[in-house]
Amino acid sequence: MERFVSVWRQALCLILSDEDAPRRDGVRNLLQVLQYMYNVNSRVSESRRLPESDFYVMIDQTFLLTELQIWRLKSKHRVRKFQSDLTQKLNRHLVCKNSE
């Protein structure tokens, strides 16, 4: 199992290190695989258990700050889009009411 954890961890690090790589689904899937393996690891006998450090992924602070900024921008965009869509629907509803 140690080899598999290492491979999945390396794949995750590779995706996260490439600025242009699409992250959404691939990262989520890799994290789920690693979490599943971590959960399995915690249920095996202590003598066969991998150390928790085998599951660690070192992430650069600059990368985390960049991801946070992207997330905030996307959140703001979603809020603006929602407000815009809502305004359009309300305007259409008001136009329909006024024309009756």
Foldseek 3Di string as FASTA:
>chain_A
DLVVLQVLLVVLLVQLVDPPHDCPPSNVVSVVVLVVVQVVLVPDDPVPHDDPVSNDHDDDPVSVVVVVVVVVVVVVVVVVVVVVVVVVVVVVVVVVVVVD
